Amino acid sequence: MRLIDADALIPMMKYATTDSDIGVFPIKIGFDAIVKVINAQPTIEPRPRGKWIDYTDDGYVECPFCGSATNCDDNISELHYCFSCGADMR
């Protein structure tokens, strides 16, 4: 999957529909339909990045974003993501 910036794509597409040599009206109708499809798509939020919080001596660490506690068994370097919210902990 390749993520795109729809906010940058739409003005570029609009520019492509203003060429008078290719007949703007049918292309403009198609452009408006494509913009509706792009705007209706779900957005992907950037994954938060952080570090595990080690509050206890019993091997548990806590996610700074959701507060979920996870047992790391002294292998904190192997826990790359929070199991609850998906935050990147690398």
PDB file of N, CA and C in Angstrom:
ATOM      1  N   MET A   1       0.850  -1.172   0.000  1.00  0.00           N
ATOM      2  CA  MET A   1       0.000   0.000   0.000  1.00  0.00           C
ATOM      3  C   MET A   1       0.896   1.235   0.000  1.00  0.00           C
ATOM      4  N   ARG A   2       0.482   2.247  -0.736  1.00  0.00           N
ATOM      5  CA  ARG A   2       1.220   3.499  -0.799  1.00  0.00           C
ATOM      6  C   ARG A   2       0.309   4.620  -0.330  1.00  0.00           C
ATOM      7  N   LEU A   3       0.742   5.333   0.701  1.00  0.00           N
ATOM      8  CA  LEU A   3      -0.047   6.435   1.227  1.00  0.00           C
ATOM      9  C   LEU A   3       0.166   7.664   0.357  1.00  0.00           C
ATOM     10  N   ILE A   4      -0.901   8.419   0.115  1.00  0.00           N
ATOM     11  CA  ILE A   4      -0.799   9.640  -0.668  1.00  0.00           C
ATOM     12  C   ILE A   4      -1.314  10.808   0.154  1.00  0.00           C
ATOM     13  N   ASP A   5      -0.914  12.002  -0.232  1.00  0.00           N
ATOM     14  CA  ASP A   5      -1.411  13.214   0.402  1.00  0.00           C
ATOM     15  C   ASP A   5      -2.541  13.747  -0.476  1.00  0.00           C
ATOM     16  N   ALA A   6      -3.772  13.464  -0.087  1.00  0.00           N
ATOM     17  CA  ALA A   6      -4.929  13.871  -0.887  1.00  0.00           C
ATOM     18  C   ALA A   6      -5.024  15.386  -0.991  1.00  0.00           C
ATOM     19  N   ASP A   7      -4.597  16.091   0.058  1.00  0.00           N
ATOM     20  CA  ASP A   7      -4.645  17.558   0.022  1.00  0.00           C
ATOM     21  C   ASP A   7      -3.710  18.121  -1.048  1.00  0.00           C
ATOM     22  N   ALA A   8      -2.638  17.426  -1.370  1.00  0.00           N
ATOM     23  CA  ALA A   8      -1.735  17.863  -2.434  1.00  0.00           C
ATOM     24  C   ALA A   8      -2.211  17.361  -3.801  1.00  0.00           C
ATOM     25  N   LEU A   9      -2.843  16.187  -3.832  1.00  0.00           N
ATOM     26  CA  LEU A   9      -3.276  15.590  -5.090  1.00  0.00           C
ATOM     27  C   LEU A   9      -4.434  16.349  -5.738  1.00  0.00           C
ATOM     28  N   ILE A  10      -5.409  16.764  -4.949  1.00  0.00           N
ATOM     29  CA  ILE A  10      -6.608  17.397  -5.507  1.00  0.00           C
ATOM     30  C   ILE A  10      -6.286  18.673  -6.277  1.00  0.00           C
ATOM     31  N   PRO A  11      -5.480  19.606  -5.753  1.00  0.00           N
ATOM     32  CA  PRO A  11      -5.151  20.789  -6.560  1.00  0.00           C
ATOM     33  C   PRO A  11      -4.394  20.450  -7.844  1.00  0.00           C
ATOM     34  N   MET A  12      -3.551  19.414  -7.805  1.00  0.00           N
ATOM     35  CA  MET A  12      -2.840  19.002  -9.018  1.00  0.00           C
ATOM     36  C   MET A  12      -3.814  18.460 -10.062  1.00  0.00           C
ATOM     37  N   MET A  13      -4.819  17.710  -9.609  1.00  0.00           N
ATOM     38  CA  MET A  13      -5.818  17.176 -10.534  1.00  0.00           C
ATOM     39  C   MET A  13      -6.663  18.316 -11.109  1.00  0.00           C
ATOM     40  N   LYS A  14      -6.978  19.293 -10.279  1.00  0.00           N
ATOM     41  CA  LYS A  14      -7.777  20.427 -10.740  1.00  0.00           C
ATOM     42  C   LYS A  14      -7.038  21.189 -11.838  1.00  0.00           C
ATOM     43  N   TYR A  15      -5.732  21.347 -11.676  1.00  0.00           N
ATOM     44  CA  TYR A  15      -4.912  22.010 -12.696  1.00  0.00           C
ATOM     45  C   TYR A  15      -4.978  21.250 -14.017  1.00  0.00           C
ATOM     46  N   ALA A  16      -4.996  19.933 -13.940  1.00  0.00           N
ATOM     47  CA  ALA A  16      -5.053  19.114 -15.152  1.00  0.00           C
ATOM     48  C   ALA A  16      -6.386  19.261 -15.882  1.00  0.00           C
ATOM     49  N   THR A  17      -7.451  19.694 -15.198  1.00  0.00           N
ATOM     50  CA  THR A  17      -8.757  19.823 -15.840  1.00  0.00           C
ATOM     51  C   THR A  17      -8.995  21.207 -16.431  1.00  0.00           C
ATOM     52  N   THR A  18      -8.019  22.098 -16.381  1.00  0.00           N
ATOM     53  CA  THR A  18      -8.216  23.455 -16.899  1.00  0.00           C
ATOM     54  C   THR A  18      -7.611  23.652 -18.280  1.00  0.00           C
ATOM     55  N   ASP A  19      -7.123  22.603 -18.907  1.00  0.00           N
ATOM     56  CA  ASP A  19      -6.533  22.707 -20.237  1.00  0.00           C
ATOM     57  C   ASP A  19      -7.642  22.836 -21.273  1.00  0.00           C
ATOM     58  N   SER A  20      -7.746  23.981 -21.936  1.00  0.00           N
ATOM     59  CA  SER A  20      -8.845  24.231 -22.878  1.00  0.00           C
ATOM     60  C   SER A  20      -8.719  23.410 -24.155  1.00  0.00           C
ATOM     61  N   ASP A  21      -7.557  22.868 -24.454  1.00  0.00           N
ATOM     62  CA  ASP A  21      -7.376  22.085 -25.677  1.00  0.00           C
ATOM     63  C   ASP A  21      -7.999  20.696 -25.586  1.00  0.00           C
ATOM     64  N   ILE A  22      -8.286  20.225 -24.395  1.00  0.00           N
ATOM     65  CA  ILE A  22      -8.793  18.853 -24.278  1.00  0.00           C
ATOM     66  C   ILE A  22     -10.261  18.803 -23.862  1.00  0.00           C
ATOM     67  N   GLY A  23     -10.926  19.912 -23.835  1.00  0.00           N
ATOM     68  CA  GLY A  23     -12.352  19.910 -23.510  1.00  0.00           C
ATOM     69  C   GLY A  23     -12.592  19.794 -22.027  1.00  0.00           C
ATOM     70  N   VAL A  24     -12.697  20.879 -21.363  1.00  0.00           N
ATOM     71  CA  VAL A  24     -12.742  20.916 -19.911  1.00  0.00           C
ATOM     72  C   VAL A  24     -14.014  20.310 -19.340  1.00  0.00           C
ATOM     73  N   PHE A  25     -15.154  20.525 -19.946  1.00  0.00           N
ATOM     74  CA  PHE A  25     -16.422  20.174 -19.303  1.00  0.00           C
ATOM     75  C   PHE A  25     -16.530  18.695 -18.923  1.00  0.00           C
ATOM     76  N   PRO A  26     -16.307  17.729 -19.821  1.00  0.00           N
ATOM     77  CA  PRO A  26     -16.417  16.320 -19.398  1.00  0.00           C
ATOM     78  C   PRO A  26     -15.356  15.951 -18.361  1.00  0.00           C
ATOM     79  N   ILE A  27     -14.170  16.507 -18.493  1.00  0.00           N
ATOM     80  CA  ILE A  27     -13.113  16.194 -17.532  1.00  0.00           C
ATOM     81  C   ILE A  27     -13.457  16.780 -16.171  1.00  0.00           C
ATOM     82  N   LYS A  28     -14.046  17.972 -16.144  1.00  0.00           N
ATOM     83  CA  LYS A  28     -14.425  18.614 -14.889  1.00  0.00           C
ATOM     84  C   LYS A  28     -15.455  17.773 -14.144  1.00  0.00           C
ATOM     85  N   ILE A  29     -16.405  17.192 -14.848  1.00  0.00           N
ATOM     86  CA  ILE A  29     -17.401  16.324 -14.209  1.00  0.00           C
ATOM     87  C   ILE A  29     -16.711  15.100 -13.613  1.00  0.00           C
ATOM     88  N   GLY A  30     -15.779  14.515 -14.364  1.00  0.00           N
ATOM     89  CA  GLY A  30     -15.029  13.362 -13.859  1.00  0.00           C
ATOM     90  C   GLY A  30     -14.163  13.733 -12.665  1.00  0.00           C
ATOM     91  N   PHE A  31     -13.562  14.916 -12.722  1.00  0.00           N
ATOM     92  CA  PHE A  31     -12.730  15.392 -11.624  1.00  0.00           C
ATOM     93  C   PHE A  31     -13.543  15.513 -10.350  1.00  0.00           C
ATOM     94  N   ASP A  32     -14.719  16.114 -10.445  1.00  0.00           N
ATOM     95  CA  ASP A  32     -15.561  16.280  -9.256  1.00  0.00           C
ATOM     96  C   ASP A  32     -15.930  14.923  -8.649  1.00  0.00           C
ATOM     97  N   ALA A  33     -16.189  13.930  -9.484  1.00  0.00           N
ATOM     98  CA  ALA A  33     -16.523  12.585  -8.981  1.00  0.00           C
ATOM     99  C   ALA A  33     -15.316  11.956  -8.295  1.00  0.00           C
ATOM    100  N   ILE A  34     -14.127  12.144  -8.869  1.00  0.00           N
ATOM    101  CA  ILE A  34     -12.914  11.586  -8.276  1.00  0.00           C
ATOM    102  C   ILE A  34     -12.617  12.251  -6.935  1.00  0.00           C
ATOM    103  N   VAL A  35     -12.805  13.575  -6.850  1.00  0.00           N
ATOM    104  CA  VAL A  35     -12.577  14.286  -5.593  1.00  0.00           C
ATOM    105  C   VAL A  35     -13.509  13.756  -4.506  1.00  0.00           C
ATOM    106  N   LYS A  36     -14.760  13.469  -4.857  1.00  0.00           N
ATOM    107  CA  LYS A  36     -15.698  12.917  -3.870  1.00  0.00           C
ATOM    108  C   LYS A  36     -15.214  11.556  -3.368  1.00  0.00           C
ATOM    109  N   VAL A  37     -14.701  10.732  -4.268  1.00  0.00           N
ATOM    110  CA  VAL A  37     -14.197   9.412  -3.873  1.00  0.00           C
ATOM    111  C   VAL A  37     -12.974   9.564  -2.967  1.00  0.00           C
ATOM    112  N   ILE A  38     -12.039  10.446  -3.329  1.00  0.00           N
ATOM    113  CA  ILE A  38     -10.840  10.656  -2.509  1.00  0.00           C
ATOM    114  C   ILE A  38     -11.221  11.163  -1.129  1.00  0.00           C
ATOM    115  N   ASN A  39     -12.104  12.143  -1.057  1.00  0.00           N
ATOM    116  CA  ASN A  39     -12.489  12.718   0.230  1.00  0.00           C
ATOM    117  C   ASN A  39     -13.276  11.750   1.108  1.00  0.00           C
ATOM    118  N   ALA A  40     -13.905  10.738   0.509  1.00  0.00           N
ATOM    119  CA  ALA A  40     -14.680   9.766   1.277  1.00  0.00           C
ATOM    120  C   ALA A  40     -13.813   8.664   1.879  1.00  0.00           C
ATOM    121  N   GLN A  41     -12.536   8.596   1.501  1.00  0.00           N
ATOM    122  CA  GLN A  41     -11.669   7.531   1.990  1.00  0.00           C
ATOM    123  C   GLN A  41     -11.253   7.791   3.434  1.00  0.00           C
ATOM    124  N   PRO A  42     -11.037   6.712   4.194  1.00  0.00           N
ATOM    125  CA  PRO A  42     -10.609   6.876   5.592  1.00  0.00           C
ATOM    126  C   PRO A  42      -9.203   7.452   5.645  1.00  0.00           C
ATOM    127  N   THR A  43      -8.946   8.186   6.691  1.00  0.00           N
ATOM    128  CA  THR A  43      -7.618   8.749   6.868  1.00  0.00           C
ATOM    129  C   THR A  43      -6.788   7.825   7.749  1.00  0.00           C
ATOM    130  N   ILE A  44      -5.505   7.868   7.552  1.00  0.00           N
ATOM    131  CA  ILE A  44      -4.580   7.075   8.345  1.00  0.00           C
ATOM    132  C   ILE A  44      -3.801   8.035   9.223  1.00  0.00           C
ATOM    133  N   GLU A  45      -3.977   7.883  10.508  1.00  0.00           N
ATOM    134  CA  GLU A  45      -3.278   8.748  11.447  1.00  0.00           C
ATOM    135  C   GLU A  45      -1.845   8.250  11.601  1.00  0.00           C
ATOM    136  N   PRO A  46      -0.914   9.168  11.750  1.00  0.00           N
ATOM    137  CA  PRO A  46       0.461   8.722  11.984  1.00  0.00           C
ATOM    138  C   PRO A  46       0.569   7.966  13.310  1.00  0.00           C
ATOM    139  N   ARG A  47       1.379   6.956  13.307  1.00  0.00           N
ATOM    140  CA  ARG A  47       1.557   6.142  14.504  1.00  0.00           C
ATOM    141  C   ARG A  47       2.404   6.919  15.508  1.00  0.00           C
ATOM    142  N   PRO A  48       1.929   7.037  16.764  1.00  0.00           N
ATOM    143  CA  PRO A  48       2.726   7.759  17.754  1.00  0.00           C
ATOM    144  C   PRO A  48       4.013   6.992  18.073  1.00  0.00           C
ATOM    145  N   ARG A  49       5.062   7.716  18.372  1.00  0.00           N
ATOM    146  CA  ARG A  49       6.351   7.113  18.729  1.00  0.00           C
ATOM    147  C   ARG A  49       6.693   7.504  20.157  1.00  0.00           C
ATOM    148  N   GLY A  50       7.204   6.567  20.905  1.00  0.00           N
ATOM    149  CA  GLY A  50       7.573   6.847  22.291  1.00  0.00           C
ATOM    150  C   GLY A  50       8.487   5.780  22.842  1.00  0.00           C
ATOM    151  N   LYS A  51       8.649   5.805  24.127  1.00  0.00           N
ATOM    152  CA  LYS A  51       9.471   4.822  24.837  1.00  0.00           C
ATOM    153  C   LYS A  51       8.645   4.227  25.971  1.00  0.00           C
ATOM    154  N   TRP A  52       8.881   2.950  26.242  1.00  0.00           N
ATOM    155  CA  TRP A  52       8.208   2.292  27.350  1.00  0.00           C
ATOM    156  C   TRP A  52       8.565   2.984  28.654  1.00  0.00           C
ATOM    157  N   ILE A  53       7.612   3.049  29.570  1.00  0.00           N
ATOM    158  CA  ILE A  53       7.852   3.588  30.910  1.00  0.00           C
ATOM    159  C   ILE A  53       8.006   2.392  31.841  1.00  0.00           C
ATOM    160  N   ASP A  54       9.150   2.305  32.498  1.00  0.00           N
ATOM    161  CA  ASP A  54       9.441   1.190  33.396  1.00  0.00           C
ATOM    162  C   ASP A  54       9.265   1.672  34.829  1.00  0.00           C
ATOM    163  N   TYR A  55       8.066   1.428  35.388  1.00  0.00           N
ATOM    164  CA  TYR A  55       7.757   1.891  36.737  1.00  0.00           C
ATOM    165  C   TYR A  55       8.083   0.873  37.819  1.00  0.00           C
ATOM    166  N   THR A  56       8.095  -0.374  37.455  1.00  0.00           N
ATOM    167  CA  THR A  56       8.178  -1.415  38.480  1.00  0.00           C
ATOM    168  C   THR A  56       9.431  -2.253  38.308  1.00  0.00           C
ATOM    169  N   ASP A  57       9.734  -3.029  39.312  1.00  0.00           N
ATOM    170  CA  ASP A  57      10.880  -3.948  39.264  1.00  0.00           C
ATOM    171  C   ASP A  57      10.461  -5.374  38.908  1.00  0.00           C
ATOM    172  N   ASP A  58       9.170  -5.562  38.618  1.00  0.00           N
ATOM    173  CA  ASP A  58       8.690  -6.920  38.350  1.00  0.00           C
ATOM    174  C   ASP A  58       8.614  -7.245  36.859  1.00  0.00           C
ATOM    175  N   GLY A  59       9.249  -6.461  36.005  1.00  0.00           N
ATOM    176  CA  GLY A  59       9.316  -6.772  34.578  1.00  0.00           C
ATOM    177  C   GLY A  59       8.206  -6.187  33.740  1.00  0.00           C
ATOM    178  N   TYR A  60       7.358  -5.356  34.316  1.00  0.00           N
ATOM    179  CA  TYR A  60       6.269  -4.756  33.549  1.00  0.00           C
ATOM    180  C   TYR A  60       6.644  -3.348  33.108  1.00  0.00           C
ATOM    181  N   VAL A  61       6.255  -3.009  31.899  1.00  0.00           N
ATOM    182  CA  VAL A  61       6.442  -1.663  31.372  1.00  0.00           C
ATOM    183  C   VAL A  61       5.084  -1.120  30.963  1.00  0.00           C
ATOM    184  N   GLU A  62       4.988   0.195  30.873  1.00  0.00           N
ATOM    185  CA  GLU A  62       3.707   0.834  30.566  1.00  0.00           C
ATOM    186  C   GLU A  62       3.842   1.697  29.315  1.00  0.00           C
ATOM    187  N   CYS A  63       2.803   1.675  28.475  1.00  0.00           N
ATOM    188  CA  CYS A  63       2.755   2.517  27.276  1.00  0.00           C
ATOM    189  C   CYS A  63       2.424   3.952  27.707  1.00  0.00           C
ATOM    190  N   PRO A  64       3.201   4.938  27.231  1.00  0.00           N
ATOM    191  CA  PRO A  64       2.923   6.318  27.619  1.00  0.00           C
ATOM    192  C   PRO A  64       1.674   6.900  26.950  1.00  0.00           C
ATOM    193  N   PHE A  65       1.134   6.219  25.949  1.00  0.00           N
ATOM    194  CA  PHE A  65      -0.018   6.732  25.217  1.00  0.00           C
ATOM    195  C   PHE A  65      -1.343   6.180  25.730  1.00  0.00           C
ATOM    196  N   CYS A  66      -1.400   4.866  25.948  1.00  0.00           N
ATOM    197  CA  CYS A  66      -2.676   4.270  26.371  1.00  0.00           C
ATOM    198  C   CYS A  66      -2.640   3.746  27.797  1.00  0.00           C
ATOM    199  N   GLY A  67      -1.453   3.661  28.412  1.00  0.00           N
ATOM    200  CA  GLY A  67      -1.349   3.200  29.785  1.00  0.00           C
ATOM    201  C   GLY A  67      -1.377   1.696  29.946  1.00  0.00           C
ATOM    202  N   SER A  68      -1.346   0.968  28.858  1.00  0.00           N
ATOM    203  CA  SER A  68      -1.379  -0.486  28.923  1.00  0.00           C
ATOM    204  C   SER A  68      -0.065  -1.019  29.497  1.00  0.00           C
ATOM    205  N   ALA A  69      -0.159  -1.967  30.429  1.00  0.00           N
ATOM    206  CA  ALA A  69       1.027  -2.581  31.020  1.00  0.00           C
ATOM    207  C   ALA A  69       1.323  -3.896  30.308  1.00  0.00           C
ATOM    208  N   THR A  70       2.601  -4.145  30.070  1.00  0.00           N
ATOM    209  CA  THR A  70       3.043  -5.341  29.365  1.00  0.00           C
ATOM    210  C   THR A  70       4.234  -5.935  30.096  1.00  0.00           C
ATOM    211  N   ASN A  71       4.275  -7.257  30.195  1.00  0.00           N
ATOM    212  CA  ASN A  71       5.407  -7.931  30.804  1.00  0.00           C
ATOM    213  C   ASN A  71       6.508  -8.058  29.763  1.00  0.00           C
ATOM    214  N   CYS A  72       7.681  -7.515  30.064  1.00  0.00           N
ATOM    215  CA  CYS A  72       8.760  -7.558  29.074  1.00  0.00           C
ATOM    216  C   CYS A  72       9.821  -8.589  29.412  1.00  0.00           C
ATOM    217  N   ASP A  73       9.828  -9.170  30.618  1.00  0.00           N
ATOM    218  CA  ASP A  73      10.801 -10.201  31.013  1.00  0.00           C
ATOM    219  C   ASP A  73      12.231  -9.808  30.667  1.00  0.00           C
ATOM    220  N   ASP A  74      12.591  -8.567  30.957  1.00  0.00           N
ATOM    221  CA  ASP A  74      13.946  -8.036  30.728  1.00  0.00           C
ATOM    222  C   ASP A  74      14.336  -7.976  29.249  1.00  0.00           C
ATOM    223  N   ASN A  75      13.387  -8.101  28.358  1.00  0.00           N
ATOM    224  CA  ASN A  75      13.667  -7.997  26.920  1.00  0.00           C
ATOM    225  C   ASN A  75      12.962  -6.777  26.339  1.00  0.00           C
ATOM    226  N   ILE A  76      13.112  -5.650  26.972  1.00  0.00           N
ATOM    227  CA  ILE A  76      12.402  -4.443  26.538  1.00  0.00           C
ATOM    228  C   ILE A  76      12.809  -4.036  25.122  1.00  0.00           C
ATOM    229  N   SER A  77      14.022  -4.375  24.712  1.00  0.00           N
ATOM    230  CA  SER A  77      14.478  -4.016  23.363  1.00  0.00           C
ATOM    231  C   SER A  77      13.747  -4.804  22.277  1.00  0.00           C
ATOM    232  N   GLU A  78      13.069  -5.889  22.661  1.00  0.00           N
ATOM    233  CA  GLU A  78      12.330  -6.691  21.684  1.00  0.00           C
ATOM    234  C   GLU A  78      10.872  -6.273  21.554  1.00  0.00           C
ATOM    235  N   LEU A  79      10.406  -5.390  22.428  1.00  0.00           N
ATOM    236  CA  LEU A  79       9.019  -4.913  22.362  1.00  0.00           C
ATOM    237  C   LEU A  79       8.983  -3.650  21.502  1.00  0.00           C
ATOM    238  N   HIS A  80       8.718  -3.816  20.228  1.00  0.00           N
ATOM    239  CA  HIS A  80       8.771  -2.698  19.289  1.00  0.00           C
ATOM    240  C   HIS A  80       7.464  -1.914  19.212  1.00  0.00           C
ATOM    241  N   TYR A  81       6.339  -2.538  19.598  1.00  0.00           N
ATOM    242  CA  TYR A  81       5.031  -1.897  19.477  1.00  0.00           C
ATOM    243  C   TYR A  81       4.193  -2.194  20.712  1.00  0.00           C
ATOM    244  N   CYS A  82       3.315  -1.262  21.057  1.00  0.00           N
ATOM    245  CA  CYS A  82       2.345  -1.500  22.118  1.00  0.00           C
ATOM    246  C   CYS A  82       1.276  -2.446  21.585  1.00  0.00           C
ATOM    247  N   PHE A  83       0.955  -3.463  22.346  1.00  0.00           N
ATOM    248  CA  PHE A  83      -0.042  -4.438  21.902  1.00  0.00           C
ATOM    249  C   PHE A  83      -1.449  -3.875  21.920  1.00  0.00           C
ATOM    250  N   SER A  84      -1.685  -2.838  22.693  1.00  0.00           N
ATOM    251  CA  SER A  84      -3.024  -2.276  22.798  1.00  0.00           C
ATOM    252  C   SER A  84      -3.324  -1.196  21.770  1.00  0.00           C
ATOM    253  N   CYS A  85      -2.424  -0.208  21.640  1.00  0.00           N
ATOM    254  CA  CYS A  85      -2.721   0.926  20.748  1.00  0.00           C
ATOM    255  C   CYS A  85      -1.851   0.962  19.502  1.00  0.00           C
ATOM    256  N   GLY A  86      -0.821   0.131  19.415  1.00  0.00           N
ATOM    257  CA  GLY A  86       0.020   0.085  18.237  1.00  0.00           C
ATOM    258  C   GLY A  86       1.121   1.122  18.173  1.00  0.00           C
ATOM    259  N   ALA A  87       1.337   1.866  19.258  1.00  0.00           N
ATOM    260  CA  ALA A  87       2.381   2.904  19.270  1.00  0.00           C
ATOM    261  C   ALA A  87       3.748   2.258  19.009  1.00  0.00           C
ATOM    262  N   ASP A  88       4.571   2.964  18.252  1.00  0.00           N
ATOM    263  CA  ASP A  88       5.907   2.510  17.913  1.00  0.00           C
ATOM    264  C   ASP A  88       6.837   2.826  19.078  1.00  0.00           C
ATOM    265  N   MET A  89       7.485   1.810  19.623  1.00  0.00           N
ATOM    266  CA  MET A  89       8.363   1.990  20.784  1.00  0.00           C
ATOM    267  C   MET A  89       9.823   1.724  20.453  1.00  0.00           C
ATOM    268  N   ARG A  90      10.194   1.834  19.161  1.00  0.00           N
ATOM    269  CA  ARG A  90      11.592   1.587  18.779  1.00  0.00           C
ATOM    270  C   ARG A  90      12.406   2.833  18.888  1.00  0.00           C
TER     271      ARG A  90
END
